[in-house]
Every structure is written in structure tokens, then in C-alpha cells.
Amino acid sequence: MSPGPVHGTEEIDVEVGLDNERAGNIAPENQPLPSYWDRFKKTFGELKPSGACNKCCIYQVPKVVRDTDEGAYTPQVVSVGPFHRGRETLKSMEALKLRYFKYFLSRFDLELQGFVDRVKQCEQDIRDCYAEEITGLNADEFVEMILVDSGFIIELLLRDRERSRRDADDEFLKTPTVSTCVAHDLILLENQIPLFVLKDLYDGVLTSTSNSSVLELALYFFEDHNKQGLPLDSLDGVLHFADLIRTFFIPAPPPDTSPQRNLPAFSFVNSATRLSNVGLKFKVKPSNCLLDVKFENGVLEIPTFGIYDTTKLLLRNLMALEVCHYPNDSYIIDYVFMMNFLIDTVEDVDLLVEQGIIVNWLGQSAGVTTLFNNATTQISYDNANFYFAQVCHDLNEFYKVNWNRWKTTLNREYFGNPWKTVSTYAAVTLLLLAGAQTVCSVISVKNDLGTAGVSFSLVLLVFVFLFCMVHLLVKLILK
């Protein structure tokens, strides 16, 4: 008996035949099949090493996200790094960047070649920080770009700290509008230089001539964002300026434990006005951390958040950073989704403004509604790892309780203002008096006059007691 075919070989032959048949490349017998391995090897060779991918921290915003509001991710005044280098609208600032770099060198009487050598030594490490391959710049052009941009940033930080060295061509510190625009451009995700480069060029070379590190200078430059007052030693792991701004917003230190994961999945939370209609109270949480949201005993406490013209730019870039670099620690994304749940209409914004939770510097409430509703377009949150999962779960449970809805209806319909309250008490008093009068009439028929007087006094005492009980019950209900 001849041996049967080997099962594994048969499967491989069948699969290869099917693949070639689908491709229309069925080769004659004994003719080698077309090899795709060489092409794959070439493609694989173009991929970044896994170690390089681990260094990535500066990204181009994913296209589906960028298309929702391209202007929020594009620098308006100055480009930093390779992604927006050469953009026509930003070329006018290149000469000023060069002058700032020259001022930086002359400030400390430094030799240019020493800086060139330092950047050349870590060129590949710098390139590895950018998630996309930088193919449009050769080694010399890349080093030149990093030197000029880094020198410009350091000189800008120094001048902002000193507030004294202002030359005639110093448009940044002389004109508040331009200075503000530059500060905003420096926090865009696509407009970054790795922080270790700035540290190496400034801290490593100038330790003997300067009392401040580059991180201290950055902390001063962006101090308006540091609401929590984070100290310098808590910022050691910061990757770049966009990451620095994100660090200002997240809990300090970040929680050691992940949010509770065994909660029922939820798809939404009712808006602020709907929650208010069932008796939920909103209160300002006295905290400098935006994420310090708490719900307890029917009261939702949220820290105050100021909405400015630049808030959209800030939130969108921090969210894009989390999409690309912090998918499992998306604190900013979760906060924006939380606010998006609460804000559906201008009435929701008005309610939160009235309670002091939102400070609206945009003027119109519709602008705040649009900001939060549009910020989440093409961005998703992880239901199983949502930072506010417990709060959202408790809010949904609170909304389901019918007693909360009835109590709120009673308060709104019968005690919504002083006139309604007086009318309600007057109606209750009349009903009790009518009942007392009826009881007295019945008693007077069955008894003599003296007994009726005593009975009337007893009924009056019962009336007063019942009125006090009704009043107390109403207070407890509306508490």
C-alpha cells in the first residue's frame, strides 16, 4: 500500500494555488512562481526599527481628525520642526528666527560649530521622535533646521523671562497679539521640537552661565496654563511643549489605578438641563484640576473652566496628542466627551454659566455648544477605560429614579417662586380650615354647645398640628 499524501503539504499547495489563481498568475508546471518576498523585504527595510517607533512623540494629526478643522492644527505665525517648514504663509518669519538664533549665540559668546556637532551626534535620535519619515531634508538641512528653531525658541523664552532685551525688530514681545499667536503656535502637536534637544543645547552647554534650566523658562512662558501650580520636579518626563500643556491639565500626580472597568456600558449621559429637571444640583468644585469632577448626594461638582477664543485650538491639539500617543490615558478626550454629554443646547450652557462652572469669554452661548459638540467629531472614547465612567454611571442611575422627577415637578409647579409658594400654602390652609369646619358642624349637631366648644378647640389644635406637619414635609421634600 502506497503511503497517503502528507496533510500539511497538501494544505500549503492548495493555498498557494488559490492565491496565484486569484492573482491570475498560474504558472506552468515546474516553472518557479513569481516571488513577492524581494518586494516585501524592500518594504520592510524602509520601516522604522521598533526601537525608533518607541521614541515617537511628535505626530501629524490623523487626516480624518485634521479635516474636521484644519486651521486648529496649522501654525499661523511661525513654523517649528519639519512638518510645516517652507509653508508660504510662514516664510516671513524665517529671517526673524535666524536673527533670534544669532542673538542666542552672541548672548553667551558661543561658537556655532560646537552646536552643530552636538546636533549631528543626535540627529537620528531627533528624527526618530517624529512619527513620519522626514524624507525632504538631507542631514545638513535637518541639522540647520533644528539649530535655528531651537535657538529661536530658547532666545524667545529668555527674552520673555527677562522682559528687558527688546530690539527694534523684536516683534514678539513688543506686540502682544503677535506674541500670543507665537505662544499658541508653539503648543500645536505638529509644530514641536523634542524637549531633550532644547535641554542639550541650553542646559548642557550653559550650566555655568545661566541660573535657569530650559524647563524653568518654559514653565514661566506657559505659566497661565499651569493652574495647578505644578513644581519643576514634577515635569521631568515631559516630551515637548504640547506634552507640557497636557501635563498641566491632568491630575498631579496621575492616578495609580485605572478607572473601574466592571460598570455597565453607557452610550450617553443626559444633558445638564435634563438632569436639572430631575433634581440634580450643579456646584463649582474648588479645584484647579479640570478632571476633579465629583457626583454625590444629587450634587455634581465640576471645576470652573474658562472658554476663550483659543480654547478650541488648545483642546483639539491635546486630544490629537492623546489619540496618537496616549490612547490608554486619554484624560483630555474623556473630559471633552463628559462636557459634550452635558452640553447639547444653549440652555445647557446658560445653566452651567449661571452655576459658575463655565466662564464664557466667547460672548454667545452657541459658541460654547459648537466648541464641545464639534471637538469630538472623528474621535472616540474608550467606554471600558473612561476616566469619568463612575460619574456617568451614577448620573444615569440618578436620572432613572422617578422620585427625583416627581420631587422636581412638585418644586417647579408649586414652589417655583414666592407667589407659587404662597398660593400653595393658602390652598392647603383653606382645605384644612374647610375640613375643620365640617368636623365642627358634625360635632355641634350631635353634642351640646359646651362640648362643641371643647371639640372645636381640639379640632383647631389638630389643624395647627397638621399644618405644621405639611410644612415640615414640604421642606423635607424640597431639600
Protein backbone atom coordinates (compact mmCIF):
# COMPACT_ATOMS: atom_id res chain seq x y z
CA MET A 1 0.00 0.00 0.00
CA SER A 2 1.47 3.33 -1.00
CA PRO A 3 1.64 5.99 1.63
CA GLY A 4 -1.03 8.75 1.52
CA PRO A 5 -0.26 12.40 0.98
CA VAL A 6 1.11 14.50 3.81
CA HIS A 7 -1.77 16.65 5.11
CA GLY A 8 0.25 19.79 5.85
CA THR A 9 1.89 19.81 2.41
CA GLU A 10 -1.46 19.44 0.72
CA GLU A 11 -2.85 22.46 2.57
CA ILE A 12 0.12 24.63 1.60
CA ASP A 13 -0.10 23.58 -2.05
CA VAL A 14 -3.80 24.32 -2.15
CA GLU A 15 -3.39 27.75 -0.53
CA VAL A 16 -0.54 28.74 -2.85
CA GLY A 17 -2.56 27.59 -5.85
CA LEU A 18 -5.57 29.57 -4.74
CA ASP A 19 -3.52 32.71 -4.11
CA ASN A 20 -1.96 32.53 -7.56
CA GLU A 21 -5.27 31.72 -9.19
CA ARG A 22 -6.86 34.81 -7.62
CA ALA A 23 -3.96 36.90 -8.88
CA GLY A 24 -4.18 35.42 -12.39
CA ASN A 25 -0.60 34.14 -12.12
CA ILE A 26 -0.98 30.38 -12.54
CA ALA A 27 2.48 29.24 -13.63
CA PRO A 28 3.11 26.20 -15.84
CA GLU A 29 4.34 23.08 -14.10
CA ASN A 30 8.00 23.17 -12.95
CA GLN A 31 8.19 26.96 -13.58
CA PRO A 32 9.02 28.96 -10.43
CA LEU A 33 6.19 31.08 -9.09
CA PRO A 34 6.61 34.87 -9.08
CA SER A 35 8.33 35.84 -5.84
CA TYR A 36 6.93 38.71 -3.77
CA TRP A 37 9.46 38.25 -1.00
CA ASP A 38 12.03 40.60 -2.53
CA ARG A 39 9.45 43.33 -2.72
CA PHE A 40 8.36 42.73 0.86
CA LYS A 41 11.96 42.74 2.03
CA LYS A 42 12.46 46.13 0.42
CA THR A 43 9.27 47.44 2.01
CA PHE A 44 10.19 46.01 5.40
CA GLY A 45 13.60 47.61 5.15
CA GLU A 46 12.00 51.03 4.79
CA LEU A 47 10.10 50.64 8.05
CA LYS A 48 11.41 52.32 11.16
CA PRO A 49 13.03 49.94 13.68
CA SER A 50 10.77 49.09 16.60
CA GLY A 51 13.10 50.95 18.92
CA ALA A 52 12.68 54.11 16.85
CA CYS A 53 8.89 53.80 17.00
CA ASN A 54 9.11 53.78 20.78
CA LYS A 55 10.76 57.20 20.63
CA CYS A 56 7.96 58.76 18.54
CA CYS A 57 6.29 61.64 20.32
CA ILE A 58 5.62 64.22 17.57
CA TYR A 59 2.90 63.34 15.10
CA GLN A 60 0.96 64.64 12.17
CA VAL A 61 -2.69 64.78 13.12
CA PRO A 62 -4.64 61.89 11.51
CA LYS A 63 -6.31 63.12 8.33
CA VAL A 64 -9.86 62.27 9.40
CA VAL A 65 -9.35 64.40 12.52
CA ARG A 66 -7.46 67.21 10.78
CA ASP A 67 -10.15 67.56 8.09
CA THR A 68 -12.73 68.50 10.73
CA ASP A 69 -10.90 71.77 11.47
CA GLU A 70 -7.59 72.13 9.65
CA GLY A 71 -6.91 75.62 10.99
CA ALA A 72 -6.79 74.36 14.58
CA TYR A 73 -3.72 72.22 13.82
CA THR A 74 -1.84 74.62 11.50
CA PRO A 75 0.58 77.31 12.74
CA GLN A 76 -0.47 80.85 11.91
CA VAL A 77 2.77 82.76 12.52
CA VAL A 78 5.84 80.56 12.91
CA SER A 79 6.80 77.00 11.96
CA VAL A 80 8.88 74.78 14.23
CA GLY A 81 10.19 71.41 13.10
CA PRO A 82 9.82 69.73 9.71
CA PHE A 83 6.06 69.31 9.21
CA HIS A 84 5.26 72.93 8.29
CA ARG A 85 8.71 74.04 7.15
CA GLY A 86 8.55 76.03 3.93
CA ARG A 87 4.85 76.90 4.17
CA GLU A 88 4.31 80.10 2.18
CA THR A 89 2.28 81.88 4.85
CA LEU A 90 5.09 81.39 7.40
CA LYS A 91 8.16 82.29 5.34
CA SER A 92 8.18 85.90 6.51
CA MET A 93 9.23 84.71 9.98
CA GLU A 94 12.31 82.78 8.84
CA ALA A 95 14.56 85.85 8.84
CA LEU A 96 13.49 86.77 12.34
CA LYS A 97 14.12 83.21 13.51
CA LEU A 98 17.66 83.48 12.16
CA ARG A 99 18.20 86.78 13.99
CA TYR A 100 17.00 85.22 17.23
CA PHE A 101 19.40 82.34 16.71
CA LYS A 102 22.22 84.84 16.12
CA TYR A 103 21.27 86.74 19.30
CA PHE A 104 21.29 83.46 21.21
CA LEU A 105 24.86 82.68 20.11
CA SER A 106 26.14 86.19 20.76
CA ARG A 107 24.39 86.40 24.12
CA PHE A 108 26.80 83.84 25.58
CA ASP A 109 29.66 84.31 23.08
CA LEU A 110 29.26 80.75 21.79
CA GLU A 111 30.88 79.06 18.80
CA LEU A 112 28.44 77.82 16.16
CA GLN A 113 30.46 74.70 15.36
CA GLY A 114 30.03 73.34 18.87
CA PHE A 115 26.25 73.39 18.49
CA VAL A 116 26.43 71.87 15.02
CA ASP A 117 28.46 68.97 16.36
CA ARG A 118 26.03 68.36 19.24
CA VAL A 119 23.01 68.21 16.93
CA LYS A 120 24.81 66.00 14.42
CA GLN A 121 25.60 63.49 17.17
CA CYS A 122 21.93 63.03 18.00
CA GLU A 123 20.44 63.61 14.53
CA GLN A 124 18.99 60.11 14.27
CA ASP A 125 17.52 60.29 17.77
CA ILE A 126 15.80 63.55 16.81
CA ARG A 127 14.47 62.09 13.57
CA ASP A 128 13.12 59.09 15.49
CA CYS A 129 10.97 61.45 17.59
CA TYR A 130 8.90 62.26 14.51
CA ALA A 131 6.38 59.57 13.69
CA GLU A 132 6.52 60.27 9.95
CA GLU A 133 9.66 59.72 7.90
CA ILE A 134 11.38 63.03 7.12
CA THR A 135 12.50 62.49 3.55
CA GLY A 136 12.60 66.07 2.25
CA LEU A 137 15.66 67.12 4.24
CA ASN A 138 19.19 65.82 3.97
CA ALA A 139 21.44 65.63 7.03
CA ASP A 140 22.83 69.17 6.75
CA GLU A 141 19.42 70.73 6.10
CA PHE A 142 17.90 68.83 9.01
CA VAL A 143 20.66 69.91 11.41
CA GLU A 144 20.33 73.52 10.25
CA MET A 145 16.56 73.46 10.83
CA ILE A 146 16.92 72.02 14.33
CA LEU A 147 19.62 74.56 15.25
CA VAL A 148 17.71 77.60 14.03
CA ASP A 149 14.37 76.52 15.51
CA SER A 150 15.92 75.54 18.84
CA GLY A 151 17.95 78.74 19.09
CA PHE A 152 14.86 80.78 18.24
CA ILE A 153 12.79 79.07 20.94
CA ILE A 154 15.46 79.40 23.64
CA GLU A 155 16.08 83.07 22.85
CA LEU A 156 12.31 83.71 22.89
CA LEU A 157 11.98 82.06 26.31
CA LEU A 158 14.93 84.06 27.65
CA ARG A 159 13.53 87.37 26.42
CA ASP A 160 10.12 86.60 27.82
CA ARG A 161 11.70 85.88 31.19
CA GLU A 162 13.90 88.96 31.17
CA ARG A 163 11.34 91.37 29.71
CA SER A 164 14.19 93.79 29.04
CA ARG A 165 16.13 92.81 25.91
CA ARG A 166 13.81 94.21 23.23
CA ASP A 167 15.40 95.25 19.98
CA ALA A 168 13.69 97.31 17.30
CA ASP A 169 12.87 94.19 15.27
CA ASP A 170 11.58 92.23 18.29
CA GLU A 171 8.00 91.79 17.13
CA PHE A 172 7.22 89.02 19.59
CA LEU A 173 7.45 90.79 22.91
CA LYS A 174 6.72 94.25 21.51
CA THR A 175 3.34 93.33 20.03
CA PRO A 176 1.04 91.36 22.39
CA THR A 177 -1.06 89.98 19.53
CA VAL A 178 1.95 88.50 17.73
CA SER A 179 3.43 87.23 20.98
CA THR A 180 0.16 85.46 21.80
CA CYS A 181 -0.03 83.90 18.34
CA VAL A 182 3.53 82.59 18.66
CA ALA A 183 2.74 81.07 22.06
CA HIS A 184 -0.26 79.31 20.54
CA ASP A 185 1.79 78.03 17.59
CA LEU A 186 4.30 76.52 20.00
CA ILE A 187 1.69 74.20 21.55
CA LEU A 188 0.44 72.71 18.27
CA LEU A 189 1.12 68.98 18.02
CA GLU A 190 2.63 69.22 14.52
CA ASN A 191 4.81 72.20 15.45
CA GLN A 192 7.21 70.73 18.01
CA ILE A 193 10.90 70.23 18.75
CA PRO A 194 11.79 67.43 21.21
CA LEU A 195 12.44 68.94 24.61
CA PHE A 196 15.64 66.94 25.07
CA VAL A 197 17.17 68.91 22.17
CA LEU A 198 16.50 72.22 23.89
CA LYS A 199 17.87 70.81 27.13
CA ASP A 200 21.00 69.55 25.41
CA LEU A 201 21.69 72.84 23.63
CA TYR A 202 20.92 75.07 26.60
CA ASP A 203 21.25 73.17 29.87
CA GLY A 204 24.19 71.04 28.75
CA VAL A 205 26.26 73.92 27.37
CA LEU A 206 25.26 76.86 29.54
CA THR A 207 25.19 75.40 33.04
CA SER A 208 27.98 77.71 34.11
CA THR A 209 26.45 80.88 32.67
CA SER A 210 22.75 80.50 33.48
CA ASN A 211 20.74 80.00 36.64
CA SER A 212 17.60 78.70 34.91
CA SER A 213 17.06 75.47 33.03
CA VAL A 214 15.14 75.47 29.75
CA LEU A 215 12.25 73.72 31.51
CA GLU A 216 12.12 76.54 34.06
CA LEU A 217 11.99 79.04 31.22
CA ALA A 218 9.16 77.10 29.56
CA LEU A 219 7.29 76.88 32.87
CA TYR A 220 7.43 80.66 33.12
CA PHE A 221 6.46 81.19 29.45
CA PHE A 222 3.36 78.96 29.76
CA GLU A 223 2.52 79.83 33.37
CA ASP A 224 -1.05 80.86 32.51
CA HIS A 225 -1.81 77.21 31.72
CA ASN A 226 -0.30 75.90 34.94
CA LYS A 227 -3.44 76.31 37.06
CA GLN A 228 -2.37 73.53 39.41
CA GLY A 229 0.95 75.22 40.12
CA LEU A 230 2.96 72.11 39.28
CA PRO A 231 6.55 72.32 40.53
CA LEU A 232 9.54 71.88 38.26
CA ASP A 233 10.47 68.44 39.63
CA SER A 234 7.11 67.02 38.52
CA LEU A 235 7.83 67.74 34.83
CA ASP A 236 10.88 65.56 34.24
CA GLY A 237 9.13 63.23 31.77
CA VAL A 238 7.73 65.97 29.52
CA LEU A 239 8.41 65.30 25.82
CA HIS A 240 7.75 68.70 24.23
CA PHE A 241 5.67 71.84 24.75
CA ALA A 242 2.35 70.26 23.74
CA ASP A 243 3.01 67.48 26.23
CA LEU A 244 3.87 70.11 28.85
CA ILE A 245 0.48 71.79 28.42
CA ARG A 246 -1.27 68.42 28.72
CA THR A 247 0.65 67.73 31.93
CA PHE A 248 -0.71 70.98 33.38
CA PHE A 249 -4.28 69.68 32.96
CA ILE A 250 -4.10 66.07 34.13
CA PRO A 251 -4.19 65.02 37.81
CA ALA A 252 -0.94 65.56 39.66
CA PRO A 253 0.34 63.01 40.18
CA PRO A 254 -1.64 60.84 37.70
CA PRO A 255 -3.83 58.19 39.36
CA ASP A 256 -2.06 54.92 40.17
CA THR A 257 -5.15 52.87 39.38
CA SER A 258 -7.24 52.71 36.23
CA PRO A 259 -10.92 53.68 36.31
CA GLN A 260 -13.36 50.98 37.40
CA ARG A 261 -13.97 48.65 34.46
CA ASN A 262 -16.87 46.45 35.61
CA LEU A 263 -19.55 49.08 35.12
CA PRO A 264 -22.38 48.65 32.59
CA ALA A 265 -21.60 50.21 29.23
CA PHE A 266 -23.20 53.58 28.53
CA SER A 267 -23.64 55.44 25.27
CA PHE A 268 -24.52 58.87 26.61
CA VAL A 269 -25.34 60.95 29.66
CA ASN A 270 -28.35 63.25 29.78
CA SER A 271 -27.74 66.94 29.24
CA ALA A 272 -27.38 69.46 32.04
CA THR A 273 -30.93 70.80 31.72
CA ARG A 274 -32.48 67.31 31.65
CA LEU A 275 -30.51 66.34 34.74
CA SER A 276 -31.53 69.60 36.40
CA ASN A 277 -35.17 68.83 35.63
CA VAL A 278 -34.98 65.67 37.73
CA GLY A 279 -33.45 67.49 40.68
CA LEU A 280 -29.71 67.31 40.12
CA LYS A 281 -27.78 70.26 41.50
CA PHE A 282 -24.67 71.74 39.87
CA LYS A 283 -21.91 73.19 42.01
CA VAL A 284 -18.44 74.61 41.37
CA LYS A 285 -15.71 72.30 42.66
CA PRO A 286 -12.96 74.36 44.34
CA SER A 287 -10.15 72.63 42.46
CA ASN A 288 -7.53 73.72 39.94
CA CYS A 289 -7.59 70.35 38.16
CA LEU A 290 -10.25 70.23 35.45
CA LEU A 291 -10.65 66.49 35.84
CA ASP A 292 -11.62 66.73 39.51
CA VAL A 293 -15.32 66.00 38.88
CA LYS A 294 -17.42 64.53 41.69
CA PHE A 295 -21.05 63.38 42.00
CA GLU A 296 -22.53 62.73 45.41
CA ASN A 297 -25.98 63.04 47.03
CA GLY A 298 -27.58 64.52 43.93
CA VAL A 299 -24.89 67.20 43.50
CA LEU A 300 -22.49 67.26 40.53
CA GLU A 301 -19.34 69.26 41.32
CA ILE A 302 -17.23 70.45 38.39
CA PRO A 303 -14.25 72.85 38.49
CA THR A 304 -14.62 76.18 36.72
CA PHE A 305 -13.47 76.18 33.08
CA GLY A 306 -12.86 79.41 31.17
CA ILE A 307 -13.74 79.34 27.46
CA TYR A 308 -11.63 81.68 25.30
CA ASP A 309 -11.06 82.18 21.58
CA THR A 310 -8.05 79.86 21.77
CA THR A 311 -9.71 77.08 23.81
CA LYS A 312 -10.74 75.19 20.69
CA LEU A 313 -7.15 75.15 19.40
CA LEU A 314 -5.84 74.03 22.78
CA LEU A 315 -8.33 71.20 23.34
CA ARG A 316 -8.11 69.86 19.79
CA ASN A 317 -4.31 69.59 19.84
CA LEU A 318 -4.22 67.96 23.26
CA MET A 319 -6.87 65.49 22.12
CA ALA A 320 -4.86 64.76 18.95
CA LEU A 321 -1.78 64.12 21.11
CA GLU A 322 -3.75 61.61 23.18
CA VAL A 323 -5.14 59.93 20.07
CA CYS A 324 -1.60 59.37 18.79
CA HIS A 325 0.48 58.95 21.95
CA TYR A 326 -1.74 58.35 24.99
CA PRO A 327 -4.60 56.10 23.81
CA ASN A 328 -4.86 54.44 27.23
CA ASP A 329 -4.52 57.66 29.24
CA SER A 330 -6.84 59.95 27.32
CA TYR A 331 -7.73 62.33 30.15
CA ILE A 332 -8.43 65.34 27.93
CA ILE A 333 -10.54 63.34 25.48
CA ASP A 334 -12.60 61.94 28.34
CA TYR A 335 -13.13 65.41 29.83
CA VAL A 336 -14.29 66.86 26.50
CA PHE A 337 -16.70 63.95 25.99
CA MET A 338 -18.01 64.44 29.52
CA MET A 339 -18.73 68.11 28.80
CA ASN A 340 -20.16 67.19 25.40
CA PHE A 341 -22.65 64.88 27.15
CA LEU A 342 -23.76 67.71 29.42
CA ILE A 343 -23.96 70.35 26.68
CA ASP A 344 -26.50 69.81 23.90
CA THR A 345 -28.12 73.23 23.58
CA VAL A 346 -27.51 76.84 24.54
CA GLU A 347 -29.81 76.26 27.53
CA ASP A 348 -27.29 73.77 28.89
CA VAL A 349 -24.51 76.33 28.50
CA ASP A 350 -26.62 79.03 30.18
CA LEU A 351 -27.28 76.71 33.12
CA LEU A 352 -23.58 75.90 33.58
CA VAL A 353 -22.64 79.57 33.21
CA GLU A 354 -25.26 80.52 35.79
CA GLN A 355 -23.79 78.00 38.22
CA GLY A 356 -20.26 79.32 37.63
CA ILE A 357 -18.94 76.09 36.08
CA ILE A 358 -18.29 77.72 32.69
CA VAL A 359 -16.90 81.22 32.26
CA ASN A 360 -17.85 82.16 28.71
CA TRP A 361 -15.49 84.70 27.15
CA LEU A 362 -16.83 83.96 23.66
CA GLY A 363 -19.91 86.06 24.24
CA GLN A 364 -22.60 83.83 22.75
CA SER A 365 -23.60 80.53 24.35
CA ALA A 366 -23.92 78.95 20.91
CA GLY A 367 -20.15 79.21 20.50
CA VAL A 368 -19.56 77.04 23.57
CA THR A 369 -22.11 74.49 22.37
CA THR A 370 -20.42 74.28 18.98
CA LEU A 371 -16.96 74.02 20.55
CA PHE A 372 -17.72 70.90 22.59
CA ASN A 373 -20.08 69.27 20.08
CA ASN A 374 -17.58 69.58 17.21
CA ALA A 375 -14.42 68.77 19.18
CA THR A 376 -15.39 65.10 19.44
CA THR A 377 -16.01 64.62 15.70
CA GLN A 378 -13.99 61.65 14.35
CA ILE A 379 -12.62 60.98 17.85
CA SER A 380 -13.78 58.10 20.04
CA TYR A 381 -13.57 57.39 23.72
CA ASP A 382 -12.90 54.01 25.32
CA ASN A 383 -16.04 53.01 27.19
CA ALA A 384 -14.11 50.39 29.16
CA ASN A 385 -11.41 52.86 30.18
CA PHE A 386 -13.36 56.09 30.54
CA TYR A 387 -11.99 58.31 33.30
CA PHE A 388 -15.47 59.52 34.32
CA ALA A 389 -17.17 56.12 33.98
CA GLN A 390 -18.30 56.01 37.62
CA VAL A 391 -19.66 59.56 37.49
CA CYS A 392 -21.55 58.88 34.26
CA HIS A 393 -22.96 55.61 35.64
CA ASP A 394 -24.18 57.35 38.80
CA LEU A 395 -25.74 60.20 36.80
CA ASN A 396 -27.68 57.75 34.66
CA GLU A 397 -28.89 55.89 37.75
CA PHE A 398 -29.97 59.17 39.33
CA TYR A 399 -31.94 60.10 36.22
CA LYS A 400 -33.84 56.80 36.29
CA VAL A 401 -35.26 57.35 39.79
CA ASN A 402 -38.88 58.51 39.39
CA TRP A 403 -38.95 60.12 42.83
CA ASN A 404 -36.32 62.64 41.73
CA ARG A 405 -38.52 63.62 38.80
CA TRP A 406 -41.68 63.90 40.92
CA LYS A 407 -39.92 65.96 43.58
CA THR A 408 -38.58 68.34 40.94
CA THR A 409 -42.01 68.67 39.33
CA LEU A 410 -43.56 69.45 42.73
CA ASN A 411 -40.93 72.07 43.39
CA ARG A 412 -41.25 73.66 39.95
CA GLU A 413 -45.07 73.66 39.71
CA TYR A 414 -46.00 74.58 43.29
CA PHE A 415 -42.92 76.20 44.85
CA GLY A 416 -41.05 77.58 41.84
CA ASN A 417 -41.25 81.21 43.04
CA PRO A 418 -42.59 83.10 46.10
CA TRP A 419 -46.04 83.62 44.57
CA LYS A 420 -46.48 79.93 43.82
CA THR A 421 -45.34 79.08 47.34
CA VAL A 422 -47.86 81.50 48.95
CA SER A 423 -50.64 80.19 46.72
CA THR A 424 -49.86 76.61 47.60
CA TYR A 425 -49.83 77.26 51.34
CA ALA A 426 -53.04 79.29 51.05
CA ALA A 427 -54.76 76.44 49.24
CA VAL A 428 -53.62 73.92 51.86
CA THR A 429 -54.78 76.25 54.67
CA LEU A 430 -58.22 76.65 53.12
CA LEU A 431 -58.57 72.90 52.69
CA LEU A 432 -57.65 72.30 56.33
CA LEU A 433 -59.99 75.04 57.54
CA ALA A 434 -62.81 73.64 55.44
CA GLY A 435 -62.18 70.20 56.89
CA ALA A 436 -62.11 71.61 60.43
CA GLN A 437 -65.35 73.49 59.85
CA THR A 438 -67.05 70.37 58.57
CA VAL A 439 -65.92 68.36 61.59
CA CYS A 440 -67.14 71.09 63.95
CA SER A 441 -70.53 71.20 62.23
CA VAL A 442 -70.97 67.47 62.64
CA ILE A 443 -69.94 67.62 66.29
CA SER A 444 -72.29 70.55 67.05
CA VAL A 445 -75.24 68.58 65.77
CA LYS A 446 -74.53 65.57 67.96
CA ASN A 447 -73.46 67.37 71.13
CA ASP A 448 -74.45 70.34 73.22
CA LEU A 449 -72.84 73.74 72.82
CA GLY A 450 -70.27 73.42 75.63
CA THR A 451 -68.98 70.14 74.35
CA ALA A 452 -68.90 71.59 70.84
CA GLY A 453 -66.64 74.43 72.06
CA VAL A 454 -64.21 71.97 73.55
CA SER A 455 -64.37 69.86 70.41
CA PHE A 456 -63.73 72.92 68.27
CA SER A 457 -60.63 73.73 70.31
CA LEU A 458 -59.43 70.17 69.84
CA VAL A 459 -60.05 70.33 66.10
CA LEU A 460 -58.19 73.63 65.91
CA LEU A 461 -55.20 72.09 67.63
CA VAL A 462 -55.33 69.18 65.17
CA PHE A 463 -55.49 71.69 62.30
CA VAL A 464 -52.40 73.53 63.55
CA PHE A 465 -50.59 70.23 64.04
CA LEU A 466 -51.46 69.04 60.54
CA PHE A 467 -50.43 72.37 59.02
CA CYS A 468 -47.04 72.18 60.73
CA MET A 469 -46.59 68.61 59.56
CA VAL A 470 -47.43 69.59 55.97
CA HIS A 471 -44.96 72.46 56.15
CA LEU A 472 -42.23 70.19 57.52
CA LEU A 473 -42.95 67.54 54.87
CA VAL A 474 -42.67 70.10 52.10
CA LYS A 475 -39.33 71.31 53.46
CA LEU A 476 -38.00 67.75 53.58
CA ILE A 477 -39.18 67.01 50.06
CA LEU A 478 -37.65 70.13 48.56
CA LYS A 479 -34.40 69.90 50.48
